[in-house]
Structures are given as structure tokens and as C-alpha cells.
């Protein structure tokens, strides 16, 4: 691993960790596009870059989510009753996605799925209507079903689920700061379930690249995690000091930028 690759990973980890704490998105939405840019430096096969970036991104969330979750918990911002309702479905959805579906999806379609869901989430956050005052979290059955969807779709795009869980909670009149904090906690369970699936589905794969564990590139994971765990608490601290409108705007603009990049990658892969 050369110094440029290592330095880039550390910068990416610092930025991703800060975003994880600030926005409750686990950093995955940021990591995937940049990993794809860096993987040619380690000889990653072109047809595996998207899959490995998504899986490796998710594996880093196991660690960054712990760090930001701890910081949010100290401020009493996590709605643990919501976590308890969503986690069983999240685990089921994550195992189905990472272990059963992920390896069969073409990279071009993965990039397109990533772009569409990120853009949708950004649009909901930026222009979504104010939820009705009487609206609250749905019942246990519906919330559990939403958990399955969050776990499954997060596994397809290598994210901690904040792009779905934050808008879902905000729409149910959970305050944005509580939604971000709760999403950070959910990200840990999403990452555990999907990472286990990525390893199981990729163990028999031959890439010719050193340091692979299933679909996870361990050197990249470690390079990012070492720094991101230090910056995630700083992001969490900022999340509780920024005004709600600014936090929503930052969240939405970040998602739009990443959606645009992955839409471009998808178009190139499709030969458009």
C-alpha cells in the first residue's frame, strides 16, 4: 500500500467519520464513491469495484457507528424505543441483502440503485412537506416492516441507513436531532448484519487482490476506521449545536452531490 493511497484513506476516514456523527448516515454514502476512485491504485478488478466499495464501506460503519452512537447517547438524544422496534427487521433485511442478493447484482445496476435512492432521500429532506402535527411513529408491525426495507436497501448501497431512517423518523415528527442520533445507533446493527452477509457471499471469490475477506478489502477498512473513530464524536457534537434548517440543508446537498456522481458511473457502465 503506497503513501498516497494510505493518506487518501485517512483523509476519507476523517471526513466520513465527521459526517457519520453530524448526519447519522454512517459515512457510507460518502465513502463508496471515493473508494471507487482509489481502488485502481491497488489493482482492484473493474467489475468488482462497486461491490467491494459498498461492502468495505459497510464494514467501516460497524466501528464509526459505535463511536458516534456513544457520543449521541451521552447527550440523551437516541430514541432507544424506536431502535428496539426497527432492529429485528433491519437484521433480517441486512442478511437477505448482503448474503443472498448482493453478489448477483450487476455493478451498473448497483450504481443506479445507489444514485436513485440517495437522490430521493435528498429531495425528501430538502423539499418534503412539513409532517402533519398529529403524525407519529406507526405501529409495531409497520415499523418492523420499515426496518426490513431499511436493512435491505442499506445493504445494496453500503450505507448506515440514515438516508432512509432519518426521513422516515422526521416524517413521523421525531425531531431532526433525535432522528440523526437514533439513525447512528441503527447504523451499527445494519452494518453488522450486512457485513456478515458480504463475507459469507464473497468467501469463494478470487480477486487477485491482497487483503480481501469476502467482498471486504481489509486494508481499506482499517485505514479509514483508525481516523474516522476519532472524528465521529466531533461530528456528533456539532449535530447538537447546528440549527435544524442548516442540518437538513447540509444533509440534502451532500446526498445530491453523491447521487450525481454515482449516476454518472452508472451511465458509463451501461455505455450511455
Protein backbone atom coordinates (compact mmCIF):
# COMPACT_ATOMS: atom_id res chain seq x y z
CA UNK A 1 0.00 0.00 0.00
CA UNK A 2 1.66 3.26 -1.10
CA UNK A 3 1.69 6.50 0.89
CA UNK A 4 -0.75 8.28 -1.43
CA UNK A 5 -3.33 5.53 -1.02
CA UNK A 6 -2.85 5.45 2.76
CA UNK A 7 -3.02 9.24 3.07
CA UNK A 8 -6.16 9.36 0.94
CA UNK A 9 -7.79 6.71 3.12
CA UNK A 10 -7.00 8.69 6.26
CA UNK A 11 -8.48 11.89 4.81
CA UNK A 12 -11.52 9.95 3.66
CA UNK A 13 -11.85 8.39 7.11
CA UNK A 14 -11.65 11.78 8.82
CA UNK A 15 -14.34 13.25 6.58
CA UNK A 16 -16.53 10.15 6.68
CA UNK A 17 -16.34 9.88 10.46
CA UNK A 18 -17.27 13.53 10.91
CA UNK A 19 -20.23 13.13 8.55
CA UNK A 20 -21.31 9.98 10.38
CA UNK A 21 -21.54 11.85 13.65
CA UNK A 22 -23.03 15.01 12.13
CA UNK A 23 -25.66 13.45 9.88
CA UNK A 24 -26.23 9.97 11.32
CA UNK A 25 -25.54 8.39 7.91
CA UNK A 26 -22.72 6.06 8.94
CA UNK A 27 -20.42 7.72 6.41
CA UNK A 28 -21.20 5.07 3.80
CA UNK A 29 -22.82 7.42 1.31
CA UNK A 30 -19.59 9.41 1.24
CA UNK A 31 -17.14 6.51 1.28
CA UNK A 32 -18.43 4.46 -1.67
CA UNK A 33 -17.77 6.98 -4.50
CA UNK A 34 -14.31 7.87 -3.20
CA UNK A 35 -13.31 4.24 -2.71
CA UNK A 36 -14.18 3.58 -6.35
CA UNK A 37 -11.80 6.41 -7.31
CA UNK A 38 -8.98 4.94 -5.20
CA UNK A 39 -9.29 1.21 -5.92
CA UNK A 40 -7.34 1.29 -9.23
CA UNK A 41 -4.27 2.05 -7.07
CA UNK A 42 -4.44 -1.44 -5.53
CA UNK A 43 -5.31 -3.24 -8.76
CA UNK A 44 -8.95 -3.91 -7.93
CA UNK A 45 -10.73 -5.51 -10.93
CA UNK A 46 -13.09 -3.06 -12.62
CA UNK A 47 -16.07 -5.42 -12.41
CA UNK A 48 -15.69 -5.75 -8.63
CA UNK A 49 -15.01 -2.13 -7.63
CA UNK A 50 -18.61 -1.18 -6.86
CA UNK A 51 -19.31 -4.38 -4.91
CA UNK A 52 -16.09 -4.15 -2.89
CA UNK A 53 -16.55 -0.41 -2.22
CA UNK A 54 -20.08 -0.98 -0.92
CA UNK A 55 -19.08 -3.95 1.26
CA UNK A 56 -15.96 -2.25 2.63
CA UNK A 57 -17.91 0.93 3.31
CA UNK A 58 -20.45 -1.04 5.32
CA UNK A 59 -17.72 -2.77 7.34
CA UNK A 60 -16.30 0.61 8.44
CA UNK A 61 -19.74 1.59 9.73
CA UNK A 62 -19.50 -1.16 12.36
CA UNK A 63 -16.81 0.94 14.04
CA UNK A 64 -17.79 4.53 13.19
CA UNK A 65 -21.38 3.96 14.30
CA UNK A 66 -20.17 2.76 17.72
CA UNK A 67 -18.20 5.95 18.17
CA UNK A 68 -20.95 8.35 17.10
CA UNK A 69 -23.62 6.29 18.90
CA UNK A 70 -21.72 6.64 22.15
CA UNK A 71 -21.44 10.41 21.69
CA UNK A 72 -25.17 10.81 20.92
CA UNK A 73 -26.14 8.53 23.82
CA UNK A 74 -24.21 10.70 26.26
CA UNK A 75 -26.40 13.61 25.19
CA UNK A 76 -29.55 11.51 25.71
CA UNK A 77 -30.60 12.03 22.09
CA UNK A 78 -31.13 8.42 20.96
CA UNK A 79 -34.73 7.18 20.95
CA UNK A 80 -33.99 3.64 22.09
CA UNK A 81 -37.64 2.58 21.90
CA UNK A 82 -37.51 3.27 18.13
CA UNK A 83 -34.24 1.33 17.86
CA UNK A 84 -35.85 -1.67 19.56
CA UNK A 85 -38.76 -1.65 17.09
CA UNK A 86 -36.62 -1.34 13.96
CA UNK A 87 -33.64 -3.60 14.73
CA UNK A 88 -35.26 -7.07 14.24
CA UNK A 89 -36.41 -6.12 10.75
CA UNK A 90 -33.09 -4.44 10.00
CA UNK A 91 -31.19 -7.65 10.79
CA UNK A 92 -33.47 -9.74 8.56
CA UNK A 93 -33.22 -7.25 5.70
CA UNK A 94 -29.46 -6.91 6.08
CA UNK A 95 -28.81 -10.64 5.97
CA UNK A 96 -31.04 -11.03 2.92
CA UNK A 97 -29.32 -8.17 1.12
CA UNK A 98 -25.67 -8.79 1.95
CA UNK A 99 -25.82 -12.57 1.99
CA UNK A 100 -28.34 -13.52 -0.68
CA UNK A 101 -28.89 -10.75 -3.25
CA UNK A 102 -25.80 -8.52 -3.29
CA UNK A 103 -23.37 -10.71 -5.24
CA UNK A 104 -25.84 -11.29 -8.10
CA UNK A 105 -26.48 -7.63 -8.98
CA UNK A 106 -24.59 -6.09 -11.90
CA UNK A 107 -22.31 -3.14 -10.90
CA UNK A 108 -24.11 -0.78 -13.27
CA UNK A 109 -27.44 -1.53 -11.60
CA UNK A 110 -25.88 -1.20 -8.15
CA UNK A 111 -24.62 2.27 -9.07
CA UNK A 112 -28.04 3.23 -10.42
CA UNK A 113 -29.84 1.97 -7.30
CA UNK A 114 -27.37 3.93 -5.16
CA UNK A 115 -27.95 7.14 -7.15
CA UNK A 116 -31.75 6.88 -7.20
CA UNK A 117 -32.26 6.24 -3.51
CA UNK A 118 -29.78 8.89 -2.45
CA UNK A 119 -31.37 11.49 -4.73
CA UNK A 120 -34.85 10.57 -3.47
CA UNK A 121 -33.75 10.92 0.14
CA UNK A 122 -32.13 14.27 -0.55
CA UNK A 123 -35.29 15.52 -2.23
CA UNK A 124 -37.47 14.43 0.65
CA UNK A 125 -35.18 16.17 3.11
CA UNK A 126 -34.90 19.39 1.08
CA UNK A 127 -38.45 19.81 -0.26
CA UNK A 128 -40.62 17.38 1.67
CA UNK A 129 -43.75 18.83 3.19
CA UNK A 130 -43.86 19.51 6.91
CA UNK A 131 -45.44 16.44 8.53
CA UNK A 132 -48.92 16.80 9.96
CA UNK A 133 -48.78 17.77 13.62
CA UNK A 134 -50.76 14.72 14.69
CA UNK A 135 -48.49 12.26 12.82
CA UNK A 136 -46.35 9.95 14.95
CA UNK A 137 -44.38 6.73 14.58
CA UNK A 138 -46.55 3.96 13.02
CA UNK A 139 -47.46 0.76 14.84
CA UNK A 140 -45.08 -2.07 15.66
CA UNK A 141 -45.86 -4.17 12.57
CA UNK A 142 -45.40 -1.32 10.10
CA UNK A 143 -42.25 -0.10 11.87
CA UNK A 144 -40.77 -3.62 11.76
CA UNK A 145 -41.53 -3.84 8.03
CA UNK A 146 -39.82 -0.49 7.52
CA UNK A 147 -36.83 -1.96 9.38
CA UNK A 148 -36.60 -4.82 6.86
CA UNK A 149 -36.67 -2.30 3.99
CA UNK A 150 -34.00 -0.11 5.62
CA UNK A 151 -31.71 -3.08 6.29
CA UNK A 152 -32.16 -4.49 2.78
CA UNK A 153 -31.67 -1.26 0.82
CA UNK A 154 -28.78 -0.14 3.02
CA UNK A 155 -27.02 -3.38 2.11
CA UNK A 156 -27.38 -2.63 -1.60
CA UNK A 157 -25.70 0.77 -1.29
CA UNK A 158 -23.26 0.23 1.60
CA UNK A 159 -24.77 2.86 3.87
CA UNK A 160 -25.75 3.01 7.51
CA UNK A 161 -29.41 3.55 6.68
CA UNK A 162 -29.63 7.23 7.56
CA UNK A 163 -30.75 8.08 4.02
CA UNK A 164 -33.96 6.18 4.81
CA UNK A 165 -34.28 6.15 8.58
CA UNK A 166 -33.77 9.90 9.11
CA UNK A 167 -36.51 10.98 6.62
CA UNK A 168 -38.80 8.23 7.98
CA UNK A 169 -38.41 9.45 11.55
CA UNK A 170 -38.62 13.15 10.65
CA UNK A 171 -41.83 12.43 8.71
CA UNK A 172 -43.18 10.83 11.90
CA UNK A 173 -42.45 14.03 13.82
CA UNK A 174 -39.30 12.80 15.54
CA UNK A 175 -37.13 15.94 15.97
CA UNK A 176 -34.22 16.03 13.50
CA UNK A 177 -31.54 15.87 16.18
CA UNK A 178 -33.18 12.79 17.73
CA UNK A 179 -33.62 11.24 14.28
CA UNK A 180 -29.92 11.71 13.46
CA UNK A 181 -28.87 10.28 16.82
CA UNK A 182 -31.21 7.30 16.53
CA UNK A 183 -30.00 6.65 12.99
CA UNK A 184 -26.43 6.45 14.29
CA UNK A 185 -27.50 3.65 16.64
CA UNK A 186 -29.40 1.84 13.88
CA UNK A 187 -26.31 2.01 11.68
CA UNK A 188 -24.42 -0.34 13.97
CA UNK A 189 -26.98 -3.14 13.58
CA UNK A 190 -27.31 -2.53 9.83
CA UNK A 191 -23.53 -2.79 9.44
CA UNK A 192 -23.21 -5.98 11.49
CA UNK A 193 -25.93 -7.84 9.57
CA UNK A 194 -24.84 -6.77 6.11
CA UNK A 195 -21.10 -7.22 6.74
CA UNK A 196 -21.72 -10.80 7.81
CA UNK A 197 -23.62 -11.32 4.57
CA UNK A 198 -20.87 -9.75 2.42
CA UNK A 199 -18.25 -12.02 3.94
CA UNK A 200 -20.35 -15.17 3.53
CA UNK A 201 -21.33 -14.43 -0.09
CA UNK A 202 -17.80 -13.48 -1.17
CA UNK A 203 -15.59 -16.06 0.55
CA UNK A 204 -15.25 -18.22 -2.57
CA UNK A 205 -14.44 -15.24 -4.82
CA UNK A 206 -10.97 -14.92 -6.41
CA UNK A 207 -9.89 -11.29 -6.96
CA UNK A 208 -6.09 -11.44 -7.07
CA UNK A 209 -6.03 -8.51 -4.61
CA UNK A 210 -4.31 -8.95 -1.25
CA UNK A 211 -6.28 -8.36 1.95
CA UNK A 212 -9.73 -9.45 0.77
CA UNK A 213 -12.16 -11.01 3.27
CA UNK A 214 -15.22 -11.92 1.25
CA UNK A 215 -16.18 -8.68 -0.50
CA UNK A 216 -14.44 -6.57 2.17
CA UNK A 217 -10.98 -5.07 1.48
CA UNK A 218 -9.45 -5.14 4.96
CA UNK A 219 -6.55 -2.65 4.39
CA UNK A 220 -9.03 -0.02 3.18
CA UNK A 221 -11.37 -0.70 6.07
CA UNK A 222 -8.61 -0.38 8.67
CA UNK A 223 -7.12 2.77 7.10
CA UNK A 224 -10.47 4.52 7.26
CA UNK A 225 -11.60 3.23 10.65
CA UNK A 226 -8.49 4.34 12.56
CA UNK A 227 -9.19 8.00 11.78
CA UNK A 228 -12.99 8.01 11.48
CA UNK A 229 -13.50 6.81 15.04
CA UNK A 230 -11.68 9.93 16.21
CA UNK A 231 -13.72 12.39 14.14
CA UNK A 232 -17.20 10.85 14.56
CA UNK A 233 -17.65 12.27 18.12
CA UNK A 234 -16.76 15.73 16.82
CA UNK A 235 -19.48 15.45 14.18
CA UNK A 236 -21.96 14.30 16.82
CA UNK A 237 -21.12 17.32 18.96
CA UNK A 238 -21.71 19.68 16.01
CA UNK A 239 -25.05 17.97 15.28
CA UNK A 240 -26.38 19.23 18.60
CA UNK A 241 -25.22 22.82 18.06
CA UNK A 242 -26.38 23.46 14.47
CA UNK A 243 -29.89 24.80 13.80
CA UNK A 244 -32.40 22.33 12.34
CA UNK A 245 -32.72 24.10 8.96
CA UNK A 246 -28.96 24.07 8.40
CA UNK A 247 -28.68 20.40 9.33
CA UNK A 248 -31.40 19.45 6.84
CA UNK A 249 -29.80 21.52 4.08
CA UNK A 250 -26.35 20.02 4.64
CA UNK A 251 -27.81 16.52 4.65
CA UNK A 252 -29.75 17.07 1.41
CA UNK A 253 -26.94 18.78 -0.54
CA UNK A 254 -24.48 16.06 0.37
CA UNK A 255 -26.88 13.40 -0.89
CA UNK A 256 -27.47 15.26 -4.17
CA UNK A 257 -23.75 15.50 -4.89
CA UNK A 258 -23.14 11.82 -4.28
CA UNK A 259 -26.21 10.79 -6.28
CA UNK A 260 -24.94 12.76 -9.26
CA UNK A 261 -21.54 11.10 -9.20
CA UNK A 262 -22.95 7.58 -8.95
CA UNK A 263 -25.49 8.31 -11.70
CA UNK A 264 -22.54 9.23 -13.93
CA UNK A 265 -20.74 5.98 -13.01
CA UNK A 266 -23.88 4.03 -13.80
CA UNK A 267 -24.27 5.70 -17.20
CA UNK A 268 -20.65 4.90 -18.08
CA UNK A 269 -21.11 1.26 -17.04
CA UNK A 270 -24.25 0.99 -19.18
CA UNK A 271 -22.37 2.52 -22.12
CA UNK A 272 -24.67 5.54 -22.38
